[in-house]
Amino acid sequence: MLKVLSIRGMYRQCKSVVRSTFGEGFWFEVMTGVRQWNVLSHILFILVIDQVLKQATTKVAAGDHSDTLAYADDVGLITCSASEMQDTIND
């Protein structure tokens, strides 16, 4: 549990700014995504994407009419209808 709290703490109240040759913009809070250039970000991504792909491929093996394409950090879900797509995402 302490590890989970530590990871949450790293992502709480993250702020970022855009810098360019014209100077620095306004600071803004980052609400989604993973921190860039952080070793832990890769591990978190792998853990999450692994579960997503396992769930999607399990549905296909169970006879669902969908398919999953995955390459690097891109995932494509293919279904016969919009309702099947929504069901696949919701589960």
C-alpha atoms as a PDB file:
ATOM      1  CA  MET A   1       0.000   0.000   0.000  1.00  0.00           C
ATOM      2  CA  LEU A   2       2.878   2.358   0.742  1.00  0.00           C
ATOM      3  CA  LYS A   3       4.176   1.870  -2.808  1.00  0.00           C
ATOM      4  CA  VAL A   4       0.787   2.833  -4.263  1.00  0.00           C
ATOM      5  CA  LEU A   5       0.633   5.940  -2.089  1.00  0.00           C
ATOM      6  CA  SER A   6       4.164   6.877  -3.154  1.00  0.00           C
ATOM      7  CA  ILE A   7       3.250   6.589  -6.838  1.00  0.00           C
ATOM      8  CA  ARG A   8       0.072   8.614  -6.319  1.00  0.00           C
ATOM      9  CA  GLY A   9       2.125  11.269  -4.539  1.00  0.00           C
ATOM     10  CA  MET A  10       4.425  11.574  -7.558  1.00  0.00           C
ATOM     11  CA  TYR A  11       1.452  12.330  -9.796  1.00  0.00           C
ATOM     12  CA  ARG A  12      -0.485  14.612  -7.458  1.00  0.00           C
ATOM     13  CA  GLN A  13      -0.433  18.310  -8.331  1.00  0.00           C
ATOM     14  CA  CYS A  14       1.906  17.939 -11.309  1.00  0.00           C
ATOM     15  CA  LYS A  15       2.463  21.179 -13.175  1.00  0.00           C
ATOM     16  CA  SER A  16       4.034  21.908 -16.517  1.00  0.00           C
ATOM     17  CA  VAL A  17       4.983  24.866 -18.672  1.00  0.00           C
ATOM     18  CA  VAL A  18       5.727  25.365 -22.346  1.00  0.00           C
ATOM     19  CA  ARG A  19       9.119  26.922 -23.076  1.00  0.00           C
ATOM     20  CA  SER A  20      10.128  28.261 -26.461  1.00  0.00           C
ATOM     21  CA  THR A  21      12.524  30.766 -27.981  1.00  0.00           C
ATOM     22  CA  PHE A  22       9.919  33.420 -27.119  1.00  0.00           C
ATOM     23  CA  GLY A  23      10.077  32.643 -23.414  1.00  0.00           C
ATOM     24  CA  GLU A  24       8.072  30.696 -20.889  1.00  0.00           C
ATOM     25  CA  GLY A  25       4.286  30.359 -20.969  1.00  0.00           C
ATOM     26  CA  PHE A  26       1.843  29.964 -18.110  1.00  0.00           C
ATOM     27  CA  TRP A  27       2.126  27.022 -15.710  1.00  0.00           C
ATOM     28  CA  PHE A  28      -0.794  24.578 -15.861  1.00  0.00           C
ATOM     29  CA  GLU A  29      -1.784  21.476 -13.914  1.00  0.00           C
ATOM     30  CA  VAL A  30      -1.396  18.135 -15.684  1.00  0.00           C
ATOM     31  CA  MET A  31      -4.458  15.994 -14.958  1.00  0.00           C
ATOM     32  CA  THR A  32      -3.823  12.907 -17.138  1.00  0.00           C
ATOM     33  CA  GLY A  33      -0.992  10.861 -18.583  1.00  0.00           C
ATOM     34  CA  VAL A  34       2.329   9.791 -17.171  1.00  0.00           C
ATOM     35  CA  ARG A  35       5.362  11.891 -16.340  1.00  0.00           C
ATOM     36  CA  GLN A  36       7.833  12.066 -19.178  1.00  0.00           C
ATOM     37  CA  TRP A  37      11.478  11.124 -18.646  1.00  0.00           C
ATOM     38  CA  ASN A  38      10.613   9.128 -15.537  1.00  0.00           C
ATOM     39  CA  VAL A  39      11.732   5.480 -15.362  1.00  0.00           C
ATOM     40  CA  LEU A  40       8.563   4.562 -13.479  1.00  0.00           C
ATOM     41  CA  SER A  41       6.374   5.847 -16.334  1.00  0.00           C
ATOM     42  CA  HIS A  42       7.462   2.992 -18.595  1.00  0.00           C
ATOM     43  CA  ILE A  43       6.708   0.398 -15.943  1.00  0.00           C
ATOM     44  CA  LEU A  44       3.266   1.853 -15.230  1.00  0.00           C
ATOM     45  CA  PHE A  45       2.482   1.923 -18.955  1.00  0.00           C
ATOM     46  CA  ILE A  46       3.520  -1.719 -19.388  1.00  0.00           C
ATOM     47  CA  LEU A  47       1.394  -2.823 -16.427  1.00  0.00           C
ATOM     48  CA  VAL A  48      -1.689  -1.016 -17.692  1.00  0.00           C
ATOM     49  CA  ILE A  49      -1.345  -1.939 -21.379  1.00  0.00           C
ATOM     50  CA  ASP A  50      -0.721  -5.572 -20.429  1.00  0.00           C
ATOM     51  CA  GLN A  51      -4.046  -5.730 -18.580  1.00  0.00           C
ATOM     52  CA  VAL A  52      -5.900  -3.939 -21.390  1.00  0.00           C
ATOM     53  CA  LEU A  53      -4.573  -6.345 -24.019  1.00  0.00           C
ATOM     54  CA  LYS A  54      -5.228  -9.418 -21.851  1.00  0.00           C
ATOM     55  CA  GLN A  55      -8.832  -8.326 -21.374  1.00  0.00           C
ATOM     56  CA  ALA A  56      -9.340  -7.566 -25.064  1.00  0.00           C
ATOM     57  CA  THR A  57      -7.792 -10.825 -26.280  1.00  0.00           C
ATOM     58  CA  THR A  58      -9.753 -12.859 -23.704  1.00  0.00           C
ATOM     59  CA  LYS A  59     -12.978 -11.479 -25.153  1.00  0.00           C
ATOM     60  CA  VAL A  60     -11.864 -12.479 -28.653  1.00  0.00           C
ATOM     61  CA  ALA A  61     -11.035 -16.014 -27.486  1.00  0.00           C
ATOM     62  CA  ALA A  62     -14.477 -16.240 -25.854  1.00  0.00           C
ATOM     63  CA  GLY A  63     -16.161 -15.729 -29.228  1.00  0.00           C
ATOM     64  CA  ASP A  64     -16.611 -11.977 -29.234  1.00  0.00           C
ATOM     65  CA  HIS A  65     -16.632 -10.520 -32.759  1.00  0.00           C
ATOM     66  CA  SER A  66     -13.763  -8.125 -32.238  1.00  0.00           C
ATOM     67  CA  ASP A  67     -10.055  -7.972 -32.861  1.00  0.00           C
ATOM     68  CA  THR A  68      -7.148  -6.191 -31.235  1.00  0.00           C
ATOM     69  CA  LEU A  69      -4.131  -4.699 -32.974  1.00  0.00           C
ATOM     70  CA  ALA A  70      -1.228  -3.462 -30.859  1.00  0.00           C
ATOM     71  CA  TYR A  71       2.059  -1.839 -31.835  1.00  0.00           C
ATOM     72  CA  ALA A  72       4.342   0.057 -29.448  1.00  0.00           C
ATOM     73  CA  ASP A  73       2.002   2.404 -27.551  1.00  0.00           C
ATOM     74  CA  ASP A  74      -0.875   2.260 -30.056  1.00  0.00           C
ATOM     75  CA  VAL A  75      -3.861  -0.061 -29.628  1.00  0.00           C
ATOM     76  CA  GLY A  76      -6.605  -0.557 -32.187  1.00  0.00           C
ATOM     77  CA  LEU A  77      -9.877  -2.287 -31.362  1.00  0.00           C
ATOM     78  CA  ILE A  78     -11.952  -3.544 -34.276  1.00  0.00           C
ATOM     79  CA  THR A  79     -15.588  -4.560 -33.825  1.00  0.00           C
ATOM     80  CA  CYS A  80     -18.634  -5.130 -36.028  1.00  0.00           C
ATOM     81  CA  SER A  81     -20.714  -2.382 -34.432  1.00  0.00           C
ATOM     82  CA  ALA A  82     -20.499   0.684 -32.240  1.00  0.00           C
ATOM     83  CA  SER A  83     -22.352  -1.100 -29.420  1.00  0.00           C
ATOM     84  CA  GLU A  84     -19.789  -3.958 -29.451  1.00  0.00           C
ATOM     85  CA  MET A  85     -17.001  -1.364 -29.297  1.00  0.00           C
ATOM     86  CA  GLN A  86     -18.653   0.311 -26.295  1.00  0.00           C
ATOM     87  CA  ASP A  87     -19.112  -3.057 -24.561  1.00  0.00           C
ATOM     88  CA  THR A  88     -15.447  -3.932 -25.164  1.00  0.00           C
ATOM     89  CA  ILE A  89     -14.269  -0.607 -23.718  1.00  0.00           C
ATOM     90  CA  ASN A  90     -16.612  -0.724 -20.717  1.00  0.00           C
ATOM     91  CA  ASP A  91     -15.619  -4.219 -19.603  1.00  0.00           C
END
